[in-house]
Every structure is written in structure tokens, then in C-alpha cells.
């Protein structure tokens, strides 16, 4: 069991929006406000997507990221900012050869997925470490070994720490190979992403398999479960020696029929961690653990 645990809050994603939960932040100001609020509530790391303020859909617009970062740093210079770099990997296929791309496809190269990271240099950005089928339709998320290697090199050149997101054991196997090759500076930071269809399920067995795989590898790992498995996976991560992630990107409900706020989810995670006899880490301690500059 881990005794000192940091909390990441994924304040908004590219999925469920304000149509399903009015507390999902959309504008740069609303996203920044939630980052500041969850930092006050105990989250050391804020994971950030941005959304088009008009359509509420996920966006890769560097200007929107810049507005969020400026508003956050104006009031809090300490919270660890973790920007997504996963958007731009979606292909939606039809069923008939030659598998034409359908609406919803958003596929760009690795360098294009990192434009905002290069421009803004957050503390951390994500690097999705494998391709996988998403949901029940024709959507496939694309992140090839060649793209991952390029992404790792680019992120290192920006002096940003990669959060290595793995959605299945095969993804983690490739991450361990990259670690052996010395691709990352400081302790590698790995996020176990559980319950995203069709990656690894949000179960004890799946998380334990991943946790066992990184033992003695010098890895700092965190985990999340989506939907109603968010809080069970908080407890499971602490028990298995990891850190935790919560937030409206992964789960929009506090309980059945009750829309959550990001601060609600951080507070509940904190309660679980402390009830298990562990301590919530400060931002400063988390920076030290991850090898980030103060």
C-alpha cells in the first residue's frame, strides 16, 4: 500500500459535456477556475483539455490552452499543469473496402499533436502509448510505435515530462521497452487508463497486472477508472501502491442522478485516501517525486 498519494484531477475532456452535466467547464475561464478550485481541494496535478466555447467540442487550439494557462498562473504558480496531447489520433472507419474515413475523423501527425505543448511548455503532457478500438462503432485511436518514439523525443526536447498513458498491457509492454532504451528523463510517469472501451477493464486484476509489470522499474504510476468505477479504482490504486486520478473527464456523476463537480470528486478521493490511512501529497512533494522543477 502506498502511504503518500498524489491526486490528479482531469477537469474536462473531449467527451461528455455540459449537455449531460452543467458543471463540465467549457470556456478557458471556467476551465482555469476549476483548476484553481481543485488545487485548493488537494489535487497536486490538473490534467487539461480545452473545448471550443461555441460548440463545446474538444479542441486542439493553442490559443485556448494559452488562455487557460495564463489564468491559472496568474493566481497559482505551483499547481502542476498536465496538458493532453492525445487529440488528433482519431480515425472513424466505414465497413466497406477501402474503409473510407467517416465524419469524426481527426488524424494528424505527432508533431501536430504537440503544437500547444511546444508553444506553452507545461510541466507535463500526455503521450498515448498505443492504438486501440474505441466504443462500439468504427472509431480507432491511432498511436503507432514510430509515432510514440517521435513523441517521446519531441517532448524531451521541449523539457516537458511525459505522462505515459497506457490503455492495455501491450501498451505498457512497449513503455517498458522505451524505459529500457533510456527514452525518458527522471522517473517515468505512467497512467493506467482503465475501463475505456475497448482497453483494459477497470478491475482489480487488470490494475494488479499493470502494477506488477512496473515493479522495480523506477516508475511512478497513477490510475483511473471511468464512470462508476472511478472511486473503486482510487481505493485499488492506493492499495496496490499507486497514485490516483479523478475528474469530470472520466466520470460526470457524484452518485446516480447527481451531477458531480470536479471539487466533489477530489474531495471524495481525498476522503478515501485518508480513510485508508494514507496521506495526500502536497504539490511541492509531488514535484519532488516526479523530478519537476519548482
Protein backbone atom coordinates (compact mmCIF):
# COMPACT_ATOMS: atom_id res chain seq x y z
CA UNK A 1 0.00 0.00 0.00
CA UNK A 2 1.18 3.50 -0.79
CA UNK A 3 1.43 5.88 2.17
CA UNK A 4 1.78 9.18 0.30
CA UNK A 5 -0.52 9.66 -2.68
CA UNK A 6 -0.90 12.49 -5.15
CA UNK A 7 -4.22 13.33 -6.76
CA UNK A 8 -4.61 14.30 -10.41
CA UNK A 9 -7.87 15.93 -11.46
CA UNK A 10 -8.84 15.70 -15.13
CA UNK A 11 -11.09 18.73 -15.14
CA UNK A 12 -12.61 18.41 -18.61
CA UNK A 13 -12.14 16.06 -21.53
CA UNK A 14 -13.36 15.82 -25.10
CA UNK A 15 -16.31 13.56 -24.27
CA UNK A 16 -19.37 14.19 -22.10
CA UNK A 17 -20.03 17.91 -21.94
CA UNK A 18 -22.40 20.40 -20.37
CA UNK A 19 -25.37 18.81 -22.13
CA UNK A 20 -25.00 15.90 -19.68
CA UNK A 21 -23.56 17.74 -16.70
CA UNK A 22 -23.81 21.54 -16.41
CA UNK A 23 -20.69 21.60 -14.22
CA UNK A 24 -18.36 20.46 -17.03
CA UNK A 25 -16.17 23.51 -17.73
CA UNK A 26 -16.04 24.66 -21.34
CA UNK A 27 -14.57 28.17 -21.64
CA UNK A 28 -10.93 28.92 -20.80
CA UNK A 29 -12.09 30.93 -17.79
CA UNK A 30 -14.29 28.10 -16.49
CA UNK A 31 -11.53 25.52 -17.01
CA UNK A 32 -8.99 27.73 -15.22
CA UNK A 33 -11.42 28.33 -12.37
CA UNK A 34 -11.85 24.58 -11.92
CA UNK A 35 -8.08 24.03 -11.98
CA UNK A 36 -7.66 26.59 -9.21
CA UNK A 37 -10.53 25.09 -7.21
CA UNK A 38 -9.27 21.50 -7.39
CA UNK A 39 -5.78 22.64 -6.41
CA UNK A 40 -7.30 24.18 -3.29
CA UNK A 41 -9.17 20.93 -2.66
CA UNK A 42 -5.98 18.86 -2.71
CA UNK A 43 -5.18 17.95 -6.32
CA UNK A 44 -1.47 18.41 -7.00
CA UNK A 45 -1.88 17.85 -10.75
CA UNK A 46 -4.50 19.30 -13.09
CA UNK A 47 -4.95 17.45 -16.38
CA UNK A 48 -6.32 19.81 -19.02
CA UNK A 49 -8.18 19.53 -22.29
CA UNK A 50 -9.78 22.56 -23.92
CA UNK A 51 -13.13 22.87 -25.68
CA UNK A 52 -14.46 25.11 -28.41
CA UNK A 53 -16.53 27.66 -26.46
CA UNK A 54 -19.14 27.76 -29.24
CA UNK A 55 -19.64 24.05 -29.96
CA UNK A 56 -18.40 22.70 -26.57
CA UNK A 57 -16.49 20.01 -28.51
CA UNK A 58 -12.88 19.13 -27.74
CA UNK A 59 -10.27 21.32 -29.43
CA UNK A 60 -6.55 21.42 -30.21
CA UNK A 61 -6.47 25.24 -30.39
CA UNK A 62 -3.22 26.51 -28.86
CA UNK A 63 -4.81 29.90 -28.14
CA UNK A 64 -7.39 28.27 -25.87
CA UNK A 65 -4.69 26.39 -23.96
CA UNK A 66 -2.75 29.64 -23.61
CA UNK A 67 -5.76 31.40 -22.12
CA UNK A 68 -6.24 28.62 -19.56
CA UNK A 69 -2.57 28.60 -18.58
CA UNK A 70 -2.38 32.38 -18.28
CA UNK A 71 -5.42 32.47 -15.99
CA UNK A 72 -4.12 29.63 -13.82
CA UNK A 73 -0.61 31.02 -13.45
CA UNK A 74 -1.93 34.49 -12.60
CA UNK A 75 -3.28 33.03 -9.35
CA UNK A 76 -1.35 29.81 -8.73
CA UNK A 77 2.25 29.28 -9.79
CA UNK A 78 2.56 25.94 -8.01
CA UNK A 79 -0.15 23.59 -9.30
CA UNK A 80 1.28 21.06 -11.76
CA UNK A 81 -0.23 21.60 -15.21
CA UNK A 82 -0.63 18.47 -17.34
CA UNK A 83 -1.89 19.16 -20.86
CA UNK A 84 -3.35 16.48 -23.06
CA UNK A 85 -1.52 15.78 -26.28
CA UNK A 86 -3.72 12.89 -27.30
CA UNK A 87 -6.11 14.66 -29.63
CA UNK A 88 -5.55 14.20 -33.34
CA UNK A 89 -5.40 10.40 -33.34
CA UNK A 90 -8.98 9.51 -34.28
CA UNK A 91 -9.98 7.60 -37.40
CA UNK A 92 -13.61 6.62 -37.93
CA UNK A 93 -13.83 3.82 -40.49
CA UNK A 94 -16.71 2.66 -42.62
CA UNK A 95 -17.39 -1.06 -43.12
CA UNK A 96 -16.69 -1.40 -46.84
CA UNK A 97 -13.33 -1.57 -48.60
CA UNK A 98 -11.31 0.56 -48.95
CA UNK A 99 -12.54 1.57 -45.47
CA UNK A 100 -13.29 5.23 -46.16
CA UNK A 101 -12.87 7.69 -43.33
CA UNK A 102 -16.17 8.90 -41.91
CA UNK A 103 -17.14 12.14 -40.12
CA UNK A 104 -15.44 12.36 -36.74
CA UNK A 105 -12.00 11.56 -38.13
CA UNK A 106 -9.32 13.86 -36.70
CA UNK A 107 -5.92 12.48 -37.59
CA UNK A 108 -2.70 14.49 -37.56
CA UNK A 109 0.96 13.68 -37.10
CA UNK A 110 2.74 13.51 -33.77
CA UNK A 111 4.36 16.92 -34.14
CA UNK A 112 0.96 18.49 -34.83
CA UNK A 113 -0.49 16.84 -31.72
CA UNK A 114 2.20 18.63 -29.71
CA UNK A 115 2.00 22.15 -31.15
CA UNK A 116 0.47 23.62 -27.98
CA UNK A 117 2.99 21.79 -25.79
CA UNK A 118 5.89 23.22 -27.78
CA UNK A 119 4.38 26.71 -27.57
CA UNK A 120 3.42 26.71 -23.88
CA UNK A 121 5.81 24.25 -22.16
CA UNK A 122 3.54 22.93 -19.38
CA UNK A 123 5.01 20.81 -16.59
CA UNK A 124 3.62 17.59 -18.08
CA UNK A 125 1.88 16.45 -21.24
CA UNK A 126 0.36 13.11 -22.11
CA UNK A 127 1.78 10.61 -24.57
CA UNK A 128 -0.71 7.91 -25.58
CA UNK A 129 1.32 4.73 -25.86
CA UNK A 130 -0.70 2.54 -28.20
CA UNK A 131 -3.57 2.23 -30.64
CA UNK A 132 -6.94 0.73 -29.69
CA UNK A 133 -10.58 0.38 -30.73
CA UNK A 134 -12.85 2.94 -29.05
CA UNK A 135 -16.50 2.16 -28.35
CA UNK A 136 -18.96 0.24 -30.49
CA UNK A 137 -18.64 1.99 -33.85
CA UNK A 138 -15.79 2.47 -36.30
CA UNK A 139 -13.53 4.68 -34.17
CA UNK A 140 -9.90 3.65 -33.79
CA UNK A 141 -7.35 5.70 -31.85
CA UNK A 142 -4.01 5.66 -33.63
CA UNK A 143 -0.66 5.88 -31.86
CA UNK A 144 1.94 3.73 -33.60
CA UNK A 145 5.33 2.72 -32.18
CA UNK A 146 7.00 5.13 -34.61
CA UNK A 147 4.73 7.98 -33.51
CA UNK A 148 5.30 7.20 -29.83
CA UNK A 149 9.07 7.25 -30.25
CA UNK A 150 8.87 10.55 -32.11
CA UNK A 151 6.58 11.96 -29.43
CA UNK A 152 8.95 10.91 -26.65
CA UNK A 153 11.86 12.61 -28.41
CA UNK A 154 9.91 15.81 -29.09
CA UNK A 155 8.57 16.05 -25.54
CA UNK A 156 12.07 15.56 -24.15
CA UNK A 157 13.35 18.33 -26.45
CA UNK A 158 10.69 20.67 -25.01
CA UNK A 159 11.88 19.90 -21.42
CA UNK A 160 8.36 18.70 -20.58
CA UNK A 161 7.67 15.50 -18.64
CA UNK A 162 5.58 12.91 -20.49
CA UNK A 163 2.74 11.15 -18.74
CA UNK A 164 2.75 7.78 -20.48
CA UNK A 165 -0.87 6.74 -20.89
CA UNK A 166 -1.48 3.02 -21.27
CA UNK A 167 -4.88 1.54 -22.05
CA UNK A 168 -3.82 -2.10 -22.14
CA UNK A 169 -0.96 -4.42 -21.18
CA UNK A 170 0.50 -4.32 -24.68
CA UNK A 171 0.84 -0.55 -24.40
CA UNK A 172 2.63 -0.99 -21.08
CA UNK A 173 4.99 -3.57 -22.57
CA UNK A 174 6.08 -1.02 -25.16
CA UNK A 175 6.53 1.64 -22.47
CA UNK A 176 8.82 -0.71 -20.54
CA UNK A 177 10.88 -1.23 -23.69
CA UNK A 178 11.24 2.55 -24.09
CA UNK A 179 12.29 2.83 -20.45
CA UNK A 180 14.99 0.20 -21.04
CA UNK A 181 16.18 2.26 -24.00
CA UNK A 182 16.55 5.36 -21.81
CA UNK A 183 13.91 7.42 -23.61
CA UNK A 184 12.81 9.36 -20.51
CA UNK A 185 14.50 11.71 -18.06
CA UNK A 186 13.87 11.23 -14.35
CA UNK A 187 11.38 8.71 -13.01
CA UNK A 188 8.97 7.60 -15.76
CA UNK A 189 5.37 8.66 -15.06
CA UNK A 190 2.77 6.12 -16.20
CA UNK A 191 -1.02 6.44 -16.12
CA UNK A 192 -3.10 3.24 -16.13
CA UNK A 193 -6.29 4.14 -18.02
CA UNK A 194 -8.93 1.56 -17.07
CA UNK A 195 -12.47 0.98 -18.22
CA UNK A 196 -12.24 2.79 -21.57
CA UNK A 197 -13.91 0.55 -24.14
CA UNK A 198 -12.07 -1.40 -25.50
CA UNK A 199 -8.94 -1.21 -23.43
CA UNK A 200 -8.16 -2.86 -20.13
CA UNK A 201 -11.18 -3.10 -17.81
CA UNK A 202 -11.47 -1.21 -14.53
CA UNK A 203 -10.90 -4.29 -12.38
CA UNK A 204 -8.58 -5.34 -9.59
CA UNK A 205 -6.97 -7.98 -11.79
CA UNK A 206 -6.23 -5.54 -14.63
CA UNK A 207 -4.71 -2.92 -12.35
CA UNK A 208 -2.68 -5.53 -10.46
CA UNK A 209 -1.30 -6.93 -13.71
CA UNK A 210 -0.10 -3.46 -14.67
CA UNK A 211 1.23 -2.67 -11.20
CA UNK A 212 3.13 -5.97 -11.12
CA UNK A 213 4.64 -5.22 -14.54
CA UNK A 214 6.24 -1.95 -13.38
CA UNK A 215 7.59 -3.20 -10.04
CA UNK A 216 11.31 -2.48 -9.64
CA UNK A 217 11.30 -0.35 -12.80
CA UNK A 218 11.56 3.01 -11.01
CA UNK A 219 8.14 4.02 -12.33
CA UNK A 220 5.78 6.47 -10.65
CA UNK A 221 2.31 5.29 -11.59
CA UNK A 222 -1.22 6.51 -11.25
CA UNK A 223 -4.54 5.01 -12.29
CA UNK A 224 -8.12 5.91 -13.01
CA UNK A 225 -11.37 4.15 -13.74
CA UNK A 226 -14.17 5.64 -15.79
CA UNK A 227 -17.79 6.11 -14.79
CA UNK A 228 -18.97 4.41 -11.62
CA UNK A 229 -15.61 2.66 -11.26
CA UNK A 230 -13.80 5.92 -10.60
CA UNK A 231 -13.82 5.71 -6.81
CA UNK A 232 -13.29 1.94 -6.52
CA UNK A 233 -10.16 2.40 -8.64
CA UNK A 234 -8.99 5.18 -6.30
CA UNK A 235 -9.02 2.73 -3.41
CA UNK A 236 -7.47 -0.01 -5.51
CA UNK A 237 -4.61 2.22 -6.71
CA UNK A 238 -3.71 3.24 -3.16
CA UNK A 239 -3.79 -0.39 -2.03
CA UNK A 240 -1.52 -1.51 -4.89
CA UNK A 241 1.00 1.30 -4.39
CA UNK A 242 -0.08 3.91 -6.92
CA UNK A 243 -1.44 7.41 -7.17
CA UNK A 244 -4.92 8.43 -8.28
CA UNK A 245 -6.82 10.41 -10.88
CA UNK A 246 -10.40 11.65 -10.72
CA UNK A 247 -12.36 14.37 -12.52
CA UNK A 248 -15.15 15.13 -14.93
CA UNK A 249 -13.21 13.88 -17.94
CA UNK A 250 -13.63 10.36 -16.59
CA UNK A 251 -16.89 10.47 -14.63
CA UNK A 252 -19.65 13.10 -14.53
CA UNK A 253 -21.73 11.70 -11.65
CA UNK A 254 -21.31 12.02 -7.90
CA UNK A 255 -23.96 9.37 -7.45
CA UNK A 256 -26.85 8.13 -9.56
CA UNK A 257 -28.67 11.16 -10.97
CA UNK A 258 -26.47 13.71 -9.16
CA UNK A 259 -24.09 15.64 -11.45
CA UNK A 260 -20.64 15.97 -9.91
CA UNK A 261 -18.33 18.95 -9.70
CA UNK A 262 -14.59 18.45 -10.01
CA UNK A 263 -14.12 19.59 -6.43
CA UNK A 264 -16.65 16.97 -5.27
CA UNK A 265 -14.63 14.22 -6.91
CA UNK A 266 -11.32 15.43 -5.47
CA UNK A 267 -12.88 15.69 -2.01
CA UNK A 268 -14.25 12.15 -2.25
CA UNK A 269 -10.90 10.79 -3.42
CA UNK A 270 -9.19 12.56 -0.54
CA UNK A 271 -11.65 11.02 1.91
CA UNK A 272 -10.92 7.54 0.55
CA UNK A 273 -7.15 8.03 0.67
CA UNK A 274 -7.19 9.32 4.22
CA UNK A 275 -9.69 6.71 5.41
CA UNK A 276 -7.23 4.06 4.21
CA UNK A 277 -4.55 5.59 6.42
CA UNK A 278 -2.58 7.25 3.63
CA UNK A 279 -1.72 10.92 3.17
CA UNK A 280 -2.49 13.26 0.27
CA UNK A 281 0.73 14.70 -1.10
CA UNK A 282 1.31 18.41 -1.46
CA UNK A 283 2.14 19.90 -4.83
CA UNK A 284 5.71 20.52 -3.70
CA UNK A 285 6.18 16.90 -2.64
CA UNK A 286 4.65 15.72 -5.92
CA UNK A 287 7.07 17.89 -7.89
CA UNK A 288 9.95 16.31 -5.99
CA UNK A 289 8.61 12.80 -6.63
CA UNK A 290 8.25 13.40 -10.37
CA UNK A 291 11.51 15.30 -10.76
CA UNK A 292 9.78 18.52 -11.83
CA UNK A 293 11.22 21.99 -11.38
CA UNK A 294 9.66 24.05 -8.59
